[in-house]
């Protein structure tokens, strides 16, 4: 399963911190950002994904996150 999110993450250091936090909750996942994209894409490949948990985690660190339709 792959889920794609639009974020407002701007910097590589921020994305690395978020990937680390997400891996704590989704340990067997492949998680990456595409900061070159205008939507600052967050991609998560995982067998189980909780969109609400991902959005809440980013929000708790001061970032906007929404499912990209």
Protein backbone atom coordinates (compact mmCIF):
# COMPACT_ATOMS: atom_id res chain seq x y z
CA UNK A 1 0.00 0.00 0.00
CA UNK A 2 1.29 3.47 -0.89
CA UNK A 3 -0.06 6.73 0.48
CA UNK A 4 0.96 10.19 -0.73
CA UNK A 5 0.65 13.37 1.33
CA UNK A 6 1.03 17.08 0.60
CA UNK A 7 3.09 18.85 3.27
CA UNK A 8 4.74 22.17 3.98
CA UNK A 9 8.08 20.65 5.02
CA UNK A 10 10.80 22.80 3.46
CA UNK A 11 14.20 21.57 4.61
CA UNK A 12 16.08 18.27 4.38
CA UNK A 13 16.78 18.27 8.13
CA UNK A 14 13.07 18.61 8.88
CA UNK A 15 12.24 15.74 6.53
CA UNK A 16 14.88 13.49 8.13
CA UNK A 17 13.47 14.15 11.61
CA UNK A 18 9.92 13.40 10.44
CA UNK A 19 10.97 10.20 8.64
CA UNK A 20 12.64 9.05 11.88
CA UNK A 21 9.50 9.75 13.91
CA UNK A 22 7.27 8.02 11.35
CA UNK A 23 9.54 4.96 11.31
CA UNK A 24 9.01 4.65 15.09
CA UNK A 25 5.27 4.16 14.39
CA UNK A 26 5.60 2.31 11.06
CA UNK A 27 8.91 0.40 11.43
CA UNK A 28 8.75 -1.77 8.31
CA UNK A 29 7.87 1.07 5.95
CA UNK A 30 9.66 2.91 3.18
CA UNK A 31 9.20 6.62 3.79
CA UNK A 32 10.56 9.51 1.77
CA UNK A 33 10.01 13.14 0.84
CA UNK A 34 10.17 14.85 -2.52
CA UNK A 35 10.99 18.40 -1.47
CA UNK A 36 11.58 19.40 -5.11
CA UNK A 37 7.87 18.91 -5.83
CA UNK A 38 5.67 21.99 -5.33
CA UNK A 39 3.52 19.95 -2.88
CA UNK A 40 6.53 18.82 -0.79
CA UNK A 41 5.40 15.22 -1.19
CA UNK A 42 5.62 12.65 1.61
CA UNK A 43 5.38 9.05 0.33
CA UNK A 44 4.83 6.09 2.60
CA UNK A 45 5.03 2.46 1.41
CA UNK A 46 3.70 0.20 4.15
CA UNK A 47 1.52 -2.83 4.71
CA UNK A 48 -0.65 -0.78 7.09
CA UNK A 49 -1.01 2.98 7.05
CA UNK A 50 -3.03 5.21 9.37
CA UNK A 51 -3.57 8.50 7.56
CA UNK A 52 -4.89 10.18 10.71
CA UNK A 53 -1.86 9.08 12.74
CA UNK A 54 0.52 10.41 10.07
CA UNK A 55 -1.30 13.74 9.79
CA UNK A 56 -1.46 14.08 13.60
CA UNK A 57 2.26 13.34 13.93
CA UNK A 58 3.23 16.02 11.41
CA UNK A 59 0.77 18.49 12.96
CA UNK A 60 2.25 17.87 16.41
CA UNK A 61 5.64 18.95 15.02
CA UNK A 62 4.16 22.13 13.53
CA UNK A 63 3.76 20.95 9.92
CA UNK A 64 0.75 20.86 7.65
CA UNK A 65 -0.07 17.49 6.11
CA UNK A 66 -2.98 16.27 4.01
CA UNK A 67 -3.70 13.27 1.83
CA UNK A 68 -2.91 14.12 -1.79
CA UNK A 69 -5.86 13.10 -3.96
